[in-house]
Amino acid sequence: MRKISGQLISSKPVTLSRAAKLISRFAAVENGSSATVSLYLKRTADAFNNSVQTKEEKKKKNKRKD
């Protein structure tokens, strides 16, 4: 396993939607990670996207009730 390093660029909070886009974009590019890590990133991106979709559906449902 290769050693990785980095630094924190920002600690500003982001929305769930923005986080989902960032993770999806990162998972979609060839980042030199192993197949296992790539699969983990893709599944994480799918989970974030599913959370965004569920939140949007709930929001629409609540608007209809009002």
N, C-alpha and C. Protein backbone atom coordinates (compact mmCIF):
# COMPACT_ATOMS: atom_id res chain seq x y z
N MET A 1 0.84 -1.18 0.00
CA MET A 1 0.00 0.00 0.00
C MET A 1 0.89 1.24 0.00
N ARG A 2 0.54 2.21 -0.82
CA ARG A 2 1.32 3.43 -0.91
C ARG A 2 0.92 4.42 0.16
N LYS A 3 1.88 5.19 0.59
CA LYS A 3 1.63 6.24 1.57
C LYS A 3 1.07 7.46 0.84
N ILE A 4 0.05 8.06 1.39
CA ILE A 4 -0.50 9.29 0.82
C ILE A 4 -0.39 10.41 1.84
N SER A 5 -0.35 11.61 1.35
CA SER A 5 -0.32 12.75 2.25
C SER A 5 -1.09 13.89 1.62
N GLY A 6 -1.42 14.85 2.42
CA GLY A 6 -2.18 16.00 1.94
C GLY A 6 -2.31 17.03 3.03
N GLN A 7 -3.06 18.06 2.71
CA GLN A 7 -3.30 19.08 3.70
C GLN A 7 -4.73 19.59 3.57
N LEU A 8 -5.24 20.08 4.63
CA LEU A 8 -6.59 20.61 4.67
C LEU A 8 -6.64 21.94 3.91
N ILE A 9 -7.53 22.02 2.93
CA ILE A 9 -7.65 23.24 2.13
C ILE A 9 -8.72 24.16 2.72
N SER A 10 -9.81 23.56 3.17
CA SER A 10 -10.91 24.36 3.70
C SER A 10 -11.67 23.56 4.73
N SER A 11 -12.16 24.23 5.74
CA SER A 11 -13.00 23.57 6.73
C SER A 11 -14.40 24.16 6.71
N LYS A 12 -14.71 24.86 5.63
CA LYS A 12 -16.02 25.48 5.48
C LYS A 12 -17.08 24.40 5.24
N PRO A 13 -18.19 24.43 5.96
CA PRO A 13 -19.24 23.44 5.75
C PRO A 13 -19.83 23.54 4.34
N VAL A 14 -20.23 22.40 3.80
CA VAL A 14 -20.88 22.36 2.49
C VAL A 14 -22.19 21.62 2.62
N THR A 15 -23.06 21.83 1.67
CA THR A 15 -24.35 21.14 1.68
C THR A 15 -24.16 19.67 1.32
N LEU A 16 -25.14 18.87 1.64
CA LEU A 16 -25.10 17.45 1.29
C LEU A 16 -25.02 17.29 -0.22
N SER A 17 -25.75 18.11 -0.95
CA SER A 17 -25.73 18.05 -2.40
C SER A 17 -24.34 18.34 -2.96
N ARG A 18 -23.68 19.35 -2.43
CA ARG A 18 -22.34 19.71 -2.88
C ARG A 18 -21.34 18.60 -2.54
N ALA A 19 -21.46 18.04 -1.35
CA ALA A 19 -20.58 16.94 -0.95
C ALA A 19 -20.76 15.74 -1.87
N ALA A 20 -22.00 15.45 -2.23
CA ALA A 20 -22.28 14.33 -3.15
C ALA A 20 -21.63 14.57 -4.51
N LYS A 21 -21.71 15.80 -5.00
CA LYS A 21 -21.08 16.12 -6.29
C LYS A 21 -19.57 15.96 -6.23
N LEU A 22 -18.97 16.44 -5.13
CA LEU A 22 -17.52 16.35 -4.99
C LEU A 22 -17.04 14.90 -4.93
N ILE A 23 -17.72 14.09 -4.14
CA ILE A 23 -17.33 12.69 -4.02
C ILE A 23 -17.55 11.94 -5.33
N SER A 24 -18.66 12.22 -6.00
CA SER A 24 -18.94 11.58 -7.29
C SER A 24 -17.88 11.92 -8.31
N ARG A 25 -17.50 13.18 -8.35
CA ARG A 25 -16.47 13.62 -9.29
C ARG A 25 -15.13 12.95 -8.99
N PHE A 26 -14.78 12.89 -7.72
CA PHE A 26 -13.52 12.26 -7.33
C PHE A 26 -13.53 10.77 -7.64
N ALA A 27 -14.66 10.10 -7.39
CA ALA A 27 -14.76 8.67 -7.65
C ALA A 27 -14.73 8.35 -9.14
N ALA A 28 -15.15 9.28 -9.98
CA ALA A 28 -15.24 9.05 -11.42
C ALA A 28 -13.89 9.15 -12.13
N VAL A 29 -12.93 9.84 -11.55
CA VAL A 29 -11.64 10.01 -12.22
C VAL A 29 -10.67 8.90 -11.81
N GLU A 30 -9.71 8.65 -12.64
CA GLU A 30 -8.67 7.68 -12.32
C GLU A 30 -7.71 8.33 -11.34
N ASN A 31 -7.75 7.88 -10.09
CA ASN A 31 -6.92 8.51 -9.06
C ASN A 31 -5.79 7.61 -8.59
N GLY A 32 -5.56 6.52 -9.28
CA GLY A 32 -4.45 5.63 -8.94
C GLY A 32 -4.70 4.74 -7.75
N SER A 33 -5.93 4.68 -7.28
CA SER A 33 -6.22 3.85 -6.11
C SER A 33 -6.47 2.40 -6.53
N SER A 34 -6.42 1.52 -5.57
CA SER A 34 -6.67 0.10 -5.84
C SER A 34 -8.14 -0.11 -6.21
N ALA A 35 -8.42 -1.28 -6.75
CA ALA A 35 -9.80 -1.60 -7.13
C ALA A 35 -10.73 -1.56 -5.93
N THR A 36 -10.25 -1.99 -4.79
CA THR A 36 -11.06 -1.99 -3.57
C THR A 36 -11.42 -0.57 -3.14
N VAL A 37 -10.44 0.31 -3.15
CA VAL A 37 -10.68 1.71 -2.76
C VAL A 37 -11.60 2.38 -3.78
N SER A 38 -11.38 2.12 -5.06
CA SER A 38 -12.24 2.69 -6.10
C SER A 38 -13.69 2.26 -5.91
N LEU A 39 -13.89 0.98 -5.61
CA LEU A 39 -15.24 0.48 -5.37
C LEU A 39 -15.86 1.16 -4.15
N TYR A 40 -15.07 1.32 -3.09
CA TYR A 40 -15.54 2.00 -1.88
C TYR A 40 -15.96 3.43 -2.20
N LEU A 41 -15.14 4.14 -2.97
CA LEU A 41 -15.48 5.52 -3.34
C LEU A 41 -16.76 5.59 -4.17
N LYS A 42 -16.92 4.66 -5.09
CA LYS A 42 -18.14 4.64 -5.92
C LYS A 42 -19.37 4.35 -5.08
N ARG A 43 -19.24 3.41 -4.14
CA ARG A 43 -20.38 3.10 -3.27
C ARG A 43 -20.71 4.27 -2.34
N THR A 44 -19.68 4.94 -1.88
CA THR A 44 -19.89 6.12 -1.03
C THR A 44 -20.60 7.21 -1.83
N ALA A 45 -20.15 7.43 -3.06
CA ALA A 45 -20.78 8.44 -3.92
C ALA A 45 -22.25 8.07 -4.16
N ASP A 46 -22.52 6.80 -4.42
CA ASP A 46 -23.91 6.36 -4.63
C ASP A 46 -24.76 6.61 -3.38
N ALA A 47 -24.19 6.34 -2.21
CA ALA A 47 -24.93 6.55 -0.96
C ALA A 47 -25.24 8.03 -0.75
N PHE A 48 -24.26 8.89 -1.03
CA PHE A 48 -24.49 10.34 -0.91
C PHE A 48 -25.57 10.79 -1.88
N ASN A 49 -25.48 10.32 -3.14
CA ASN A 49 -26.48 10.71 -4.14
C ASN A 49 -27.87 10.22 -3.75
N ASN A 50 -27.94 9.02 -3.18
CA ASN A 50 -29.22 8.49 -2.73
C ASN A 50 -29.78 9.34 -1.60
N SER A 51 -28.92 9.79 -0.69
CA SER A 51 -29.36 10.65 0.42
C SER A 51 -29.90 11.98 -0.10
N VAL A 52 -29.23 12.53 -1.10
CA VAL A 52 -29.69 13.79 -1.70
C VAL A 52 -31.06 13.60 -2.33
N GLN A 53 -31.22 12.51 -3.09
CA GLN A 53 -32.48 12.23 -3.76
C GLN A 53 -33.61 12.03 -2.74
N THR A 54 -33.33 11.30 -1.68
CA THR A 54 -34.34 11.06 -0.64
C THR A 54 -34.75 12.36 0.03
N LYS A 55 -33.75 13.21 0.31
CA LYS A 55 -34.03 14.51 0.94
C LYS A 55 -34.90 15.38 0.03
N GLU A 56 -34.59 15.39 -1.27
CA GLU A 56 -35.37 16.19 -2.22
C GLU A 56 -36.80 15.67 -2.33
N GLU A 57 -36.97 14.34 -2.36
CA GLU A 57 -38.30 13.76 -2.43
C GLU A 57 -39.12 14.09 -1.19
N LYS A 58 -38.47 14.04 -0.04
CA LYS A 58 -39.16 14.36 1.22
C LYS A 58 -39.57 15.83 1.23
N LYS A 59 -38.70 16.69 0.71
CA LYS A 59 -38.99 18.12 0.65
C LYS A 59 -40.21 18.39 -0.25
N LYS A 60 -40.26 17.71 -1.40
CA LYS A 60 -41.39 17.88 -2.33
C LYS A 60 -42.68 17.36 -1.70
N LYS A 61 -42.56 16.24 -0.99
CA LYS A 61 -43.74 15.65 -0.35
C LYS A 61 -44.29 16.59 0.71
N ASN A 62 -43.42 17.22 1.49
CA ASN A 62 -43.84 18.15 2.53
C ASN A 62 -44.47 19.41 1.93
N LYS A 63 -43.99 19.85 0.78
CA LYS A 63 -44.58 21.01 0.12
C LYS A 63 -46.01 20.73 -0.33
N ARG A 64 -46.25 19.50 -0.79
CA ARG A 64 -47.60 19.13 -1.25
C ARG A 64 -48.60 19.13 -0.11
N LYS A 65 -48.12 18.78 1.09
CA LYS A 65 -49.01 18.74 2.25
C LYS A 65 -49.43 20.12 2.69
N ASP A 66 -48.59 21.13 2.44
CA ASP A 66 -48.87 22.49 2.90
C ASP A 66 -49.95 23.17 2.10
